[in-house]
Structures are given as structure tokens and as C-alpha cells.
Protein backbone atom coordinates (compact mmCIF):
# COMPACT_ATOMS: atom_id res chain seq x y z
CA MET A 1 101.75 117.18 85.00
CA ALA A 2 99.19 114.17 86.29
CA TRP A 3 98.29 112.83 89.30
CA TYR A 4 100.62 110.26 89.85
CA ASP A 5 103.76 112.22 89.66
CA GLU A 6 102.48 113.83 93.13
CA ALA A 7 101.52 110.26 94.33
CA VAL A 8 102.59 108.32 97.36
CA PHE A 9 101.34 104.80 96.77
CA TYR A 10 99.92 102.70 99.76
CA HIS A 11 99.96 98.92 98.74
CA ILE A 12 97.68 96.33 99.76
CA TYR A 13 97.78 92.39 99.03
CA PRO A 14 93.99 91.88 99.93
CA LEU A 15 93.73 88.00 100.54
CA GLY A 16 96.70 88.38 102.76
CA MET A 17 95.44 91.58 104.55
CA THR A 18 92.22 90.28 105.01
CA GLY A 19 92.86 86.73 106.24
CA ALA A 20 91.46 85.16 103.14
CA PRO A 21 91.79 81.52 102.77
CA LYS A 22 95.07 80.22 100.61
CA LEU A 23 92.55 77.96 98.53
CA ASN A 24 89.57 79.10 96.77
CA SER A 25 86.35 76.81 97.32
CA TYR A 26 84.71 78.68 94.62
CA SER A 27 81.78 78.84 97.23
CA GLU A 28 79.36 81.68 97.80
CA PRO A 29 81.25 84.87 98.06
CA VAL A 30 82.40 86.25 101.75
CA HIS A 31 82.63 90.10 101.88
CA ARG A 32 86.18 90.29 103.25
CA LEU A 33 86.73 92.94 100.93
CA ASN A 34 84.97 95.76 103.55
CA LEU A 35 87.31 94.85 106.11
CA LEU A 36 89.49 97.00 104.12
CA LEU A 37 87.01 99.90 104.13
CA PRO A 38 88.20 101.35 107.99
CA TRP A 39 91.86 101.28 106.05
CA ILE A 40 91.15 103.99 103.58
CA SER A 41 91.19 106.88 106.32
CA HIS A 42 94.06 105.41 107.73
CA ILE A 43 95.47 105.91 104.24
CA LYS A 44 95.11 109.38 103.62
CA GLU A 45 96.12 110.18 107.50
CA ILE A 46 99.54 108.69 106.89
CA GLY A 47 99.93 111.24 103.48
CA CYS A 48 99.14 108.50 100.76
CA SER A 49 97.01 109.57 98.02
CA ALA A 50 97.04 106.36 95.63
CA LEU A 51 96.36 102.88 96.24
CA TYR A 52 97.80 100.00 94.72
CA ILE A 53 96.06 96.76 95.22
CA GLY A 54 95.85 93.34 94.02
CA PRO A 55 95.47 90.60 93.08
CA LEU A 56 91.77 90.98 92.94
CA PHE A 57 90.07 88.93 90.82
CA GLU A 58 89.14 85.23 90.81
CA SER A 59 91.77 82.71 91.06
CA VAL A 60 92.85 79.52 92.28
CA GLY A 61 95.12 80.52 95.50
CA HIS A 62 97.31 83.31 95.88
CA GLY A 63 95.58 85.19 93.25
CA TYR A 64 98.19 85.10 90.57
CA GLU A 65 96.51 82.25 88.62
CA THR A 66 93.58 83.77 87.35
CA THR A 67 90.45 82.05 86.31
CA ASP A 68 88.26 85.26 85.79
CA TYR A 69 89.30 88.74 84.94
CA LYS A 70 85.78 89.80 85.35
CA LYS A 71 84.78 88.68 88.90
CA LEU A 72 85.97 89.60 92.36
CA ASP A 73 87.45 86.71 94.02
CA SER A 74 85.02 84.85 95.65
CA ARG A 75 87.36 85.37 98.88
CA LEU A 76 86.87 88.90 98.62
CA GLY A 77 83.50 89.48 98.01
CA THR A 78 81.07 90.48 94.98
CA ASN A 79 81.67 92.89 92.11
CA ASP A 80 79.46 95.18 93.97
CA ASP A 81 82.01 95.53 96.97
CA LEU A 82 84.80 96.28 94.64
CA GLU A 83 82.77 99.22 92.95
CA ASN A 84 81.80 100.57 96.33
CA PHE A 85 85.53 99.80 97.48
CA VAL A 86 87.04 102.13 94.61
CA ALA A 87 84.11 104.95 95.32
CA GLU A 88 85.01 104.88 98.96
CA CYS A 89 88.55 105.54 98.00
CA HIS A 90 87.70 108.21 95.47
CA ARG A 91 85.64 110.05 98.15
CA GLN A 92 88.25 110.35 100.12
CA GLY A 93 90.81 111.63 97.17
CA ILE A 94 92.66 108.31 96.88
CA ARG A 95 93.29 107.08 93.59
CA VAL A 96 93.13 103.26 92.71
CA ILE A 97 95.07 100.98 90.49
CA PHE A 98 94.58 97.36 89.92
CA ASP A 99 97.09 94.34 89.95
CA GLY A 100 96.82 93.05 85.95
CA VAL A 101 98.09 89.65 85.56
CA PHE A 102 98.02 89.67 81.92
CA ASN A 103 101.13 87.41 81.42
CA HIS A 104 99.46 84.09 82.41
CA THR A 105 96.21 82.61 83.36
CA GLY A 106 95.19 79.73 85.84
CA ARG A 107 94.15 76.52 84.53
CA ASP A 108 90.55 77.16 85.25
CA PHE A 109 90.20 80.18 82.97
CA PHE A 110 87.72 79.50 80.36
CA ALA A 111 90.27 79.58 77.51
CA PHE A 112 92.50 76.97 79.28
CA ARG A 113 89.79 74.93 80.42
CA ASP A 114 88.36 74.64 76.75
CA ILE A 115 91.60 73.50 75.35
CA ARG A 116 91.61 70.71 78.19
CA GLU A 117 88.08 69.68 77.19
CA ASN A 118 88.49 69.71 73.34
CA ARG A 119 92.23 69.93 72.82
CA GLU A 120 92.94 69.93 69.19
CA ASN A 121 89.63 71.09 68.14
CA SER A 122 89.61 74.06 70.82
CA ALA A 123 88.87 77.19 69.34
CA TYR A 124 91.72 78.66 72.18
CA LYS A 125 94.35 76.30 71.45
CA ASP A 126 96.59 79.14 70.15
CA TRP A 127 95.69 81.34 73.14
CA TYR A 128 98.52 79.94 74.76
CA CYS A 129 102.27 79.34 74.29
CA ASN A 130 103.81 76.35 72.48
CA VAL A 131 100.48 74.21 73.11
CA ASN A 132 101.85 70.53 72.10
CA PHE A 133 99.54 67.71 71.88
CA TRP A 134 102.37 65.35 71.65
CA GLY A 135 103.53 66.25 75.18
CA ASN A 136 102.36 66.18 78.57
CA ASN A 137 102.81 68.17 81.54
CA SER A 138 102.81 67.76 85.41
CA PHE A 139 99.15 67.52 85.58
CA ASN A 140 98.90 64.68 83.15
CA ASP A 141 96.73 66.69 80.47
CA GLY A 142 98.18 65.10 77.33
CA PHE A 143 99.88 68.24 76.33
CA SER A 144 102.56 70.18 76.86
CA TYR A 145 102.60 74.05 77.30
CA ASP A 146 105.07 76.99 78.10
CA ASN A 147 104.27 78.27 81.71
CA TRP A 148 105.21 81.21 83.65
CA GLY A 149 108.54 80.69 86.31
CA GLY A 150 108.51 76.66 85.59
CA TYR A 151 105.15 76.24 87.27
CA ASP A 152 102.25 74.70 85.09
CA LEU A 153 99.86 76.42 87.23
CA LEU A 154 100.59 79.35 85.57
CA ALA A 155 99.85 78.59 81.85
CA LYS A 156 101.53 81.84 79.72
CA LEU A 157 99.36 83.61 77.30
CA ASN A 158 100.33 83.80 73.70
CA GLN A 159 100.49 87.51 73.62
CA ARG A 160 100.86 87.74 69.67
CA ASN A 161 97.60 86.10 69.26
CA PRO A 162 95.24 89.63 68.21
CA ALA A 163 92.55 87.73 69.90
CA VAL A 164 94.46 87.52 73.28
CA ARG A 165 95.12 91.09 72.74
CA ASP A 166 91.44 92.06 72.13
CA TYR A 167 90.38 90.56 75.51
CA ILE A 168 92.76 91.82 77.48
CA CYS A 169 92.41 95.36 76.27
CA ASP A 170 88.59 94.28 76.78
CA VAL A 171 89.23 93.26 80.54
CA ILE A 172 90.60 97.03 81.03
CA ARG A 173 87.98 98.73 79.52
CA PHE A 174 85.86 96.63 81.62
CA TRP A 175 87.63 97.50 84.66
CA VAL A 176 87.33 101.31 84.09
CA LYS A 177 83.87 101.00 83.21
CA GLU A 178 82.36 99.10 86.12
CA PHE A 179 85.02 100.07 89.03
CA ASP A 180 86.49 103.49 87.62
CA VAL A 181 89.78 102.26 88.33
CA ASP A 182 92.75 104.61 87.58
CA GLY A 183 95.63 102.46 86.44
CA ILE A 184 96.88 99.03 86.36
CA ARG A 185 100.39 97.69 87.32
CA LEU A 186 101.67 94.93 85.09
CA ASP A 187 102.73 91.96 86.81
CA ALA A 188 105.90 90.14 85.32
CA ALA A 189 106.17 93.09 82.86
CA ASP A 190 109.71 92.38 82.31
CA VAL A 191 108.85 89.11 80.25
CA MET A 192 105.81 90.62 78.24
CA ASP A 193 105.89 90.92 74.63
CA PHE A 194 106.33 94.65 73.73
CA ASP A 195 104.02 94.99 70.81
CA TYR A 196 101.17 93.67 73.82
CA MET A 197 102.06 96.53 75.52
CA LYS A 198 101.96 99.19 73.24
CA ALA A 199 98.34 97.60 72.53
CA LEU A 200 97.76 98.14 76.58
CA ARG A 201 98.96 101.71 76.30
CA GLN A 202 96.69 102.45 73.52
CA VAL A 203 93.76 101.46 75.24
CA ALA A 204 95.03 103.24 78.48
CA ASN A 205 95.07 106.54 76.62
CA GLU A 206 91.62 106.17 75.31
CA VAL A 207 90.01 104.84 78.37
CA LYS A 208 90.49 107.77 81.00
CA PRO A 209 92.58 111.10 81.27
CA ASP A 210 96.13 110.45 83.01
CA PHE A 211 95.13 106.50 83.10
CA TRP A 212 98.57 105.08 84.56
CA LEU A 213 100.30 101.93 83.47
CA MET A 214 103.06 100.76 85.66
CA GLY A 215 105.18 97.70 85.11
CA GLU A 216 107.09 95.01 87.36
CA VAL A 217 110.73 94.87 86.07
CA ILE A 218 112.96 93.43 88.03
CA HIS A 219 116.59 94.03 85.91
CA GLY A 220 117.52 95.31 82.78
CA ASN A 221 117.05 99.14 81.36
CA TYR A 222 114.08 100.20 82.37
CA SER A 223 113.64 102.79 79.79
CA ARG A 224 112.90 100.06 77.32
CA TRP A 225 109.69 99.52 79.24
CA ALA A 226 108.76 102.70 80.14
CA ASN A 227 108.74 105.38 77.14
CA ASP A 228 106.03 107.21 75.28
CA GLY A 229 104.80 103.93 74.12
CA THR A 230 104.70 101.32 76.11
CA LEU A 231 104.68 102.03 79.98
CA HIS A 232 104.51 105.30 82.32
CA SER A 233 106.73 103.71 84.79
CA VAL A 234 108.09 100.67 86.13
CA THR A 235 109.27 99.49 89.74
CA ASN A 236 112.80 100.23 90.50
CA TYR A 237 114.20 97.31 92.08
CA MET A 238 117.74 98.67 91.74
CA LEU A 239 117.35 101.55 94.06
CA HIS A 240 114.79 99.04 96.57
CA LYS A 241 118.14 97.05 96.67
CA ALA A 242 120.45 99.88 97.21
CA LEU A 243 118.52 101.72 100.01
CA TYR A 244 118.70 98.75 102.68
CA SER A 245 121.98 97.30 101.59
CA ALA A 246 123.62 100.97 101.75
CA HIS A 247 122.50 101.27 105.27
CA ASN A 248 123.25 97.95 106.34
CA ASP A 249 126.96 97.91 105.06
CA HIS A 250 127.22 102.08 106.10
CA ASN A 251 128.12 102.70 102.47
CA TYR A 252 126.00 105.75 100.99
CA PHE A 253 128.30 105.44 97.78
CA GLU A 254 125.84 102.69 96.83
CA ILE A 255 122.87 104.44 97.12
CA ALA A 256 124.72 107.49 94.97
CA HIS A 257 125.85 105.22 92.47
CA THR A 258 122.66 103.66 92.01
CA ILE A 259 120.81 107.13 91.30
CA LYS A 260 123.24 108.25 88.77
CA TYR A 261 123.42 104.78 87.18
CA VAL A 262 119.22 104.74 86.82
CA GLY A 263 119.13 108.33 86.10
CA ASP A 264 121.51 107.43 83.23
CA MET A 265 119.33 105.16 82.04
CA THR A 266 116.30 106.87 81.79
CA GLY A 267 117.44 110.17 80.86
CA ASN A 268 116.32 111.58 84.25
CA ARG A 269 113.14 111.59 82.67
CA LEU A 270 110.98 109.21 84.08
CA LYS A 271 109.26 109.03 87.53
CA LEU A 272 110.03 105.15 88.94
CA TYR A 273 107.89 103.33 91.26
CA THR A 274 109.98 103.36 94.53
CA PHE A 275 109.73 101.06 97.59
CA VAL A 276 111.41 99.62 100.29
CA ASP A 277 109.27 96.29 100.29
CA ASN A 278 106.41 94.76 98.48
CA HIS A 279 104.34 91.23 98.74
CA ASP A 280 107.50 89.64 97.13
CA VAL A 281 110.43 90.89 99.51
CA GLU A 282 110.98 90.71 103.04
CA ARG A 283 109.79 93.56 105.20
CA ILE A 284 112.20 96.49 105.71
CA TYR A 285 112.34 96.25 109.20
CA THR A 286 113.30 93.05 109.24
CA LYS A 287 115.87 93.69 106.75
CA LEU A 288 117.35 96.73 108.43
CA ARG A 289 120.41 95.49 111.13
CA ASN A 290 120.20 98.66 113.06
CA LYS A 291 116.22 98.97 113.29
CA ALA A 292 116.93 102.95 113.76
CA HIS A 293 117.61 103.21 110.39
CA PHE A 294 114.27 102.80 109.27
CA VAL A 295 114.04 107.07 109.54
CA PRO A 296 116.76 107.67 106.95
CA VAL A 297 115.70 104.74 104.80
CA HIS A 298 112.13 106.63 104.24
CA VAL A 299 113.69 110.02 104.49
CA MET A 300 115.41 108.72 100.94
CA LEU A 301 112.50 107.09 100.07
CA TYR A 302 110.17 110.04 100.19
CA THR A 303 112.73 112.34 98.74
CA LEU A 304 114.68 110.94 96.19
CA PRO A 305 113.36 110.94 92.12
CA GLY A 306 110.70 109.04 91.90
CA ILE A 307 107.03 107.91 93.25
CA PRO A 308 107.23 106.11 96.57
CA SER A 309 104.98 103.40 97.78
CA ILE A 310 104.34 102.14 101.62
CA TYR A 311 103.41 98.17 101.94
CA TYR A 312 100.41 98.05 104.20
CA GLY A 313 101.90 97.37 107.58
CA SER A 314 105.49 98.09 107.35
CA GLU A 315 104.37 101.95 108.52
CA PHE A 316 104.05 100.08 111.79
CA GLY A 317 107.50 98.70 111.85
CA ILE A 318 105.88 95.05 111.56
CA GLU A 319 108.16 92.34 110.46
CA GLY A 320 108.10 89.58 107.98
CA ARG A 321 110.74 87.27 106.03
CA LYS A 322 110.57 84.54 103.29
CA GLU A 323 110.38 81.00 105.42
CA ARG A 324 111.07 78.13 103.17
CA GLY A 325 110.40 79.83 100.15
CA SER A 326 107.01 80.67 101.29
CA ASP A 327 105.98 84.27 101.25
CA ASP A 328 102.94 83.76 103.82
CA SER A 329 104.72 85.77 106.76
CA LEU A 330 105.07 88.75 104.14
CA ARG A 331 101.11 88.96 103.41
CA PRO A 332 99.70 88.82 106.86
CA ALA A 333 96.13 89.39 108.07
CA LEU A 334 95.88 92.79 110.10
CA ASP A 335 93.02 94.01 112.28
CA PHE A 336 92.52 97.64 112.14
CA ASP A 337 91.66 97.95 115.54
CA ASN A 338 95.43 96.84 116.42
CA TYR A 339 96.51 99.96 114.67
CA ARG A 340 93.62 102.65 115.00
CA ASN A 341 95.93 104.74 116.94
CA ALA A 342 99.35 103.88 115.28
CA VAL A 343 99.30 107.81 113.97
CA TYR A 344 99.79 108.63 117.85
CA GLU A 345 101.32 106.13 119.65
CA ASN A 346 103.59 104.19 117.09
CA PRO A 347 107.19 105.90 115.98
CA CYS A 348 107.46 104.14 112.98
CA THR A 349 104.01 105.29 111.92
CA GLN A 350 104.89 108.91 113.01
CA ILE A 351 107.81 109.45 110.66
CA ILE A 352 105.74 107.64 107.62
CA ALA A 353 102.87 110.19 108.38
CA ALA A 354 105.19 113.36 108.75
CA LEU A 355 106.76 112.62 105.61
CA GLY A 356 103.53 111.99 103.49
CA LYS A 357 102.73 115.58 104.53
CA ILE A 358 105.92 117.28 104.21
CA ARG A 359 105.99 115.47 100.40
CA ARG A 360 102.42 116.70 99.73
CA SER A 361 103.46 120.39 100.65
CA THR A 362 106.46 120.41 98.87
CA PRO A 363 106.52 120.57 95.16
CA ALA A 364 110.29 120.31 94.61
CA LEU A 365 110.17 116.78 96.08
CA CYS A 366 108.13 115.65 93.18
CA TYR A 367 109.58 117.53 90.45
CA GLY A 368 112.94 119.09 91.58
CA ASP A 369 116.29 118.32 89.81
CA TYR A 370 118.34 116.12 91.81
CA ARG A 371 122.14 117.13 92.59
CA GLU A 372 124.65 115.68 95.04
CA LEU A 373 125.74 117.83 97.52
CA VAL A 374 127.91 115.50 100.21
CA LEU A 375 129.09 111.81 99.78
CA GLN A 376 130.62 109.99 102.59
CA THR A 377 129.66 106.11 103.49
CA THR A 378 128.72 107.34 106.62
CA HIS A 379 126.70 110.51 105.65
CA PHE A 380 124.91 112.13 102.33
CA ALA A 381 123.40 115.40 101.60
CA TYR A 382 121.66 116.02 98.21
CA SER A 383 119.21 118.95 96.87
CA ARG A 384 116.00 118.69 94.86
CA THR A 385 115.57 122.24 93.20
CA LEU A 386 112.57 124.02 91.50
CA ASP A 387 112.20 127.53 90.23
CA GLY A 388 115.69 128.34 91.74
CA LYS A 389 114.72 127.10 94.94
CA SER A 390 116.65 124.14 96.75
CA VAL A 391 115.20 121.52 99.52
CA ILE A 392 118.15 120.21 100.80
CA VAL A 393 117.93 116.40 102.35
CA THR A 394 120.42 114.93 104.66
CA VAL A 395 120.79 111.79 106.05
CA ASN A 396 123.25 110.04 108.59
CA ASN A 397 123.69 106.20 109.21
CA SER A 398 126.22 106.20 111.93
CA ASP A 399 125.85 106.01 115.46
CA ASN A 400 127.38 109.55 115.97
CA GLU A 401 125.92 112.95 115.01
CA VAL A 402 127.42 114.86 112.00
CA VAL A 403 127.80 118.52 111.15
CA MET A 404 127.83 119.37 107.27
CA THR A 405 128.05 122.26 105.61
CA LEU A 406 126.09 122.77 102.48
CA PRO A 407 125.20 125.24 99.45
CA CYS A 408 121.95 126.82 99.64
CA GLN A 409 121.21 129.35 97.19
CA ASN A 410 118.19 132.23 97.28
CA ALA A 411 117.10 131.18 101.06
CA LYS A 412 117.66 133.31 103.85
CA GLU A 413 116.88 130.92 106.31
CA CYS A 414 115.93 126.93 106.30
CA ALA A 415 113.97 125.15 109.08
CA GLY A 416 114.20 121.34 109.32
CA ALA A 417 111.03 119.88 108.42
CA LEU A 418 111.07 117.26 110.73
CA SER A 419 112.92 118.90 113.94
CA GLY A 420 111.38 122.17 113.60
CA GLU A 421 115.11 123.57 113.83
CA LYS A 422 116.02 126.70 111.98
CA VAL A 423 119.19 127.53 110.47
CA THR A 424 120.47 130.65 108.87
CA VAL A 425 122.14 130.63 105.50
CA ASN A 426 125.38 132.60 105.41
CA ASP A 427 127.28 133.55 102.48
CA GLY A 428 125.43 131.14 100.69
CA TYR A 429 125.57 127.97 102.91
CA ILE A 430 124.14 126.45 106.12
CA GLN A 431 125.39 124.39 108.52
CA VAL A 432 123.51 121.87 109.86
CA ARG A 433 123.28 118.83 112.40
CA VAL A 434 122.18 115.54 111.33
CA PRO A 435 121.64 113.20 114.35
CA ALA A 436 122.63 109.84 114.60
CA ASN A 437 121.11 107.21 112.36
CA GLY A 438 118.82 110.17 111.49
CA GLY A 439 117.74 112.49 108.52
CA GLU A 440 116.54 115.78 108.16
CA ILE A 441 114.84 118.03 105.17
CA TRP A 442 115.86 121.39 105.00
CA ILE A 443 113.34 124.15 103.51
CA PRO A 444 113.70 127.76 102.93
CA THR A 445 111.38 128.96 105.64
CA ASP A 446 110.01 131.74 102.69
CA LEU A 447 107.97 128.43 100.98
CA GLU A 448 104.92 127.77 101.95
CA VAL A 449 105.19 123.68 103.33
CA GLU A 450 103.29 122.25 106.13
CA PHE A 451 105.91 121.30 108.68
CA SER A 452 105.67 118.28 110.80
CA THR A 453 105.56 118.05 114.61
CA PRO A 454 109.06 117.16 115.94
CA ILE A 455 109.87 113.26 115.31
CA LYS A 456 111.07 111.37 118.17
CA PRO A 457 113.91 108.77 117.56
CA ILE A 458 113.53 105.45 116.55
CA GLU A 459 114.14 102.50 118.70
CA THR A 460 113.47 98.81 118.62
CA ILE A 461 109.55 98.56 118.55
CA LYS A 462 107.25 96.03 119.37
CA ALA A 463 104.49 96.07 116.66
CA PRO A 464 101.23 94.23 117.20
CA GLU A 465 101.03 91.19 116.24
CA PRO A 466 99.90 90.49 112.88
CA VAL A 467 96.48 87.80 113.24
CA LYS A 468 96.96 84.13 112.79
CA ILE A 469 95.23 82.62 110.40
CA GLU A 470 94.31 78.72 110.40
CA LYS A 471 96.34 77.04 107.63
CA GLU A 472 94.49 75.52 105.20
CA PRO A 473 94.93 72.01 103.63
CA GLU A 474 97.27 72.64 100.66
CA ASN A 475 95.95 72.14 97.09
CA PRO A 476 98.05 70.27 94.99
CA GLN A 477 98.61 73.00 91.95
CA ILE A 478 99.92 75.29 94.98
CA GLN A 479 102.01 72.85 96.58
CA ALA A 480 103.53 72.19 92.87
CA MET A 481 104.70 75.55 93.15
CA GLU A 482 106.72 75.41 96.28
CA LYS A 483 110.26 75.62 95.96
CA SER A 484 112.71 72.51 96.58
CA GLU A 485 114.84 72.41 99.13
CA GLN A 486 117.43 70.58 97.63
CA THR A 487 118.23 71.43 93.78
CA VAL A 488 120.60 69.59 91.45
CA ILE A 489 122.36 72.12 89.50
CA ASN A 490 122.60 71.17 85.77
CA LEU A 491 124.66 73.84 83.83
CA ASN A 492 124.60 71.79 80.80
CA LYS A 493 121.16 72.46 79.85
CA SER A 494 120.10 75.27 77.73
CA TYR A 495 119.16 78.55 79.50
CA GLU A 496 114.89 78.19 78.61
CA GLU A 497 115.66 74.36 80.00
CA MET A 498 116.92 75.60 83.61
CA THR A 499 115.16 75.83 86.63
CA VAL A 500 115.14 79.22 88.94
CA GLU A 501 117.88 77.80 90.85
CA GLU A 502 119.93 76.78 87.75
CA LEU A 503 119.58 80.19 86.15
CA GLN A 504 120.64 81.83 89.51
CA GLU A 505 123.36 79.58 89.98
CA ALA A 506 124.41 80.09 86.03
CA ILE A 507 124.63 83.85 86.89
CA LEU A 508 126.63 83.29 89.77
CA GLU A 509 128.96 81.27 87.88
CA LYS A 510 129.35 84.13 85.14
CA MET A 511 129.74 86.76 88.16
CA ARG A 512 132.83 84.64 89.28
CA HIS A 513 134.51 84.77 86.13
CA ASN A 514 134.46 88.47 86.33
CA GLY A 515 135.75 88.84 89.85
CA PRO A 516 134.52 87.94 93.25
CA VAL A 517 130.72 87.99 94.16
CA THR A 518 130.05 90.00 97.09
CA GLU A 519 126.99 89.46 99.45
CA TYR A 520 125.34 92.67 97.83
CA MET A 521 125.60 90.29 94.53
CA LEU A 522 124.78 87.38 95.91
CA GLY A 523 121.32 88.70 97.52
CA THR A 524 120.63 90.62 94.27
CA VAL A 525 121.05 87.28 92.48
CA ARG A 526 119.07 85.21 94.98
CA GLU A 527 115.89 87.80 95.63
CA ASN A 528 115.36 87.54 91.87
CA THR A 529 112.79 84.45 91.29
CA HIS A 530 111.29 85.81 87.91
CA ARG A 531 112.52 83.09 85.58
CA GLY A 532 112.07 85.01 82.20
CA SER A 533 114.03 87.95 84.11
CA LEU A 534 116.80 85.73 84.79
CA ILE A 535 116.90 84.10 81.29
CA ASN A 536 117.39 87.75 80.32
CA TRP A 537 119.74 88.29 82.82
CA VAL A 538 122.19 85.34 82.19
CA LYS A 539 121.98 86.05 78.22
CA SER A 540 123.08 89.65 79.10
CA PHE A 541 126.79 88.55 79.93
CA ARG A 542 129.50 88.61 77.35
């Protein structure tokens, strides 16, 4: 057992949360990271025990075009600020993992800058993939190179170059030595070289006990990336999709199927990183057609197999949707004073805090075997069993109360951890009521569990508005990343030559050959904007 097996994560995109300018002027540091210090006690108060924060290091714009892996982005402050921030998290019992953007760098990174200056004579010309001095790129450098996602702003590192591997491994050692970080989330892990990831895992095993490597993976067999030789865990995008669409469609079969599919894929031995929203996808409160489904969605997030995560602000029920290809509204600035009393005043925050408290004191929700008990389109029950004792979870996505009769062994009485209601076990069964658009966690009363105070129903909530940030003049490099609203699809290209939009259309075309394309299938394709992942996906069709 490691700390991450029992963790509940809080996820912060710091450049957005602190209201940093979109463009880095590389001027004197502004100590915006210190604005996040008051949030640490809030993170603890709502029951989170770990923080995933990033990107943090010097970059051009959104943070994923790294220019210096060993310097905190000057828009956020200094390395001393980051060291103090992590130390305060640790003082309050919060583990910290950083965003590791090790697949590509920005064009101002020292190695790429040297290639621009010295061309064929650069000692770093082999640090990037397919550097061709007979070609050109969108910045008119007089040479071409492989990029990430079709954006020349993001130059793809040659992960098979031993010098690149050694440098990135030293970066990890530096982060542990300087900042005492507890783990790393690998950006774009699904397009990383596997030997490269094995080298990172070897370093992880050396630098710190239980140092955690988690990777961003969209599609594919998760066990290819998460195993004893590469990463400890990956993002469970399959469950992310199922959790909100199953509620919108009133179809719990989708979630049950996803749990079984992922469990069979991983051998039911991996704890995947589970979430309902993040910095790349629309807010859960925006995606849910019925806002009351906020309760059953999060009951499942906290009780299904996996390591749950809350994206900053979503515990308040704030909205956020993609607008014209921009993620700005998904990454807003928040003023702590607007949410200081949310645990007492905001029903969304109350349910998150209650679930955090329940999970922290209920080992079965972290380690218990999963078993499906009742499955209907509108209601669902399952158990998590540890040491012969079962915790039973019930959820209901309909507008009517439902009654379920469920097996319950080795207990005389159970109590609803959210409502406080008690039920007697008769002949090995309990009969429970589940409120409309609600959920409950039934726990044997002889287990030592920290129960919540009764939770009020979720209704449509007017959350405090995110802080408005003055729009910065656009950097031409950032503009180059904006999606074109009108794309001419050319399916005669090789997959490697296609844009993200062309790859999406190619996948949909292959899906159409296999049968009707549902709204769910369409949404899954459109939400995936990771070019490498799309190439792997389109090639997987037979």
C-alpha cells in the first residue's frame, strides 16, 4: 500500500487560477503562486490528500511550451515560492505532483534555440525528431522538425536520444531535491516512447519512496502504459466519458460496461486516475443536463475503483465550456475570498467535502473488491468488499425515488453515510430507498466510519463568477495553435500528414462503415484533440 492508493486529488492549473497573463514577457517574477497558499487549507477541508498542479515551469504561453524545466514560470514567481508552497502542502498533509511536459519543448528551450542559431553545427540537432535542414516550418526557420499536435510551437523531443533521456531524468532528480515533489503526471504519455518511460520509472524508483508516475492517456489498452515497468497509473478517460453521458442519457449500463471493460483490460489490479473534468474538458456542471445529477456522478467518482480527482472550482459548481477551440473558460482565475465559506453555504461543496470524509475513513472504497448488485438504466447498485465486510453504493438518475433490495452479508445494520438513515439487515438483505437524482453509501454500523452530516439536495446553483482577466494581446505563436473554424478534409493523405480535424473525420468514417455513429461515439471522437492518440486510434481499425 502506497500513499496514492488512498489519495483524493485536487487539480490546479496555476497560470489560470492565479490570473496570470497569457503571454510570458520574461520580465521580473510576479509572486502569483503565493495566491494559492490559502487554498491549501481548503483542499484539506474538502477531504483531498494530494495535489496535482501544473504546468509550473517557464514557458511561452499556456505552460506546455516549456523553455526552462528548472525555473518556475516568472508569471508565478520564483523557485523559492514553489519550494515554500510544496513545504506548506506537506505541512498540512497534502502530497504534491507536478505536470511533467517531457514529450516536447517550446522553441525558446536552450537546445532548440541552439539549433536555430547554429543549424547543422548544433550539438543538439539530434535532440529533436526529424530535424531536416532542407525543409522549413511555419516560423520560417529554414529547417523542419516533428511537432506535437500539428503545432510548430511545440517541438517534439527525440526520446530515443540518450542525452535527452539523461537530461529529463536529471530534471526529475532536480525537482525532488529542490522542491521535494512526490510524483509526476506525464503530459501526452500516450505518444511517448516506452523505453523513455521505463527510464523515467527507474528514476522514480530511486529518488523517493512511493514516488508516483501517472500518465495522460486518452485511448488504448491502459495496461500498456501502466504496469510494473513503466507508469504506476494513467488517466481513465473511458470512465470520465461514461460518468457524465450515462447520466445525461439515463443509461447506467454504459458505466457498468465501462467498469467491466477497463477491469478486464487491466486485470482489476490497477488504480487508475479518475475524474469528471479537468483543464482540457468542459466542466461537469456544464456537461450535466440535469444539475441534480452532480450528486450521483460524484458518489460514483468517489466509490468506484480508482483514485478520484476534483478539478479546481468544480467543487463549487462553476461552469466552463470550450469556446471556438479556446480553453480559457476552463481555466479561470478564482478569488479565494469568494469561496471562503463554501463548505457551509454551497451544496456542491458540501457533497464533495462529505464524500472526501467518507472515503478517508472507509478503506473498502480504496481497496475493496468491486461487485455489481443491481443494474437498470435509471438505478444502479454495487458493493466494495474488504475483509468480508461490504460497503454498498446506490445511485439513481431518475426523477422518482427508487427502492432496492440488496444482498448484505456479515452485518446486522447499515447506515447511509450521506443521509444518516439506518436500515436493518434481514435474512442477508437490506431494503433501501434512494432519492430522485441521488445516491447513498450504505456502511455496516460496526465499522468505524466518520459519517457526514445529512446532505441537502442539489438544485440549480448560482456559483460566484470567476474573476475577469483583461485579455492580453495575442502572441503570434499562440495564435498559430488556434483551430481553424473551417477545415478542408483530405482523406487521401497518410495519417501522419493529417490534421487533428482530418484524423477525427477519418475515424468517424471508419466507424460509419461498422454501423451507425451515436452521439456518444461522436462526442468521444470530437473531444480527443491529441494527434498522436488519434493516429493510433485510426490505425487500430481493421
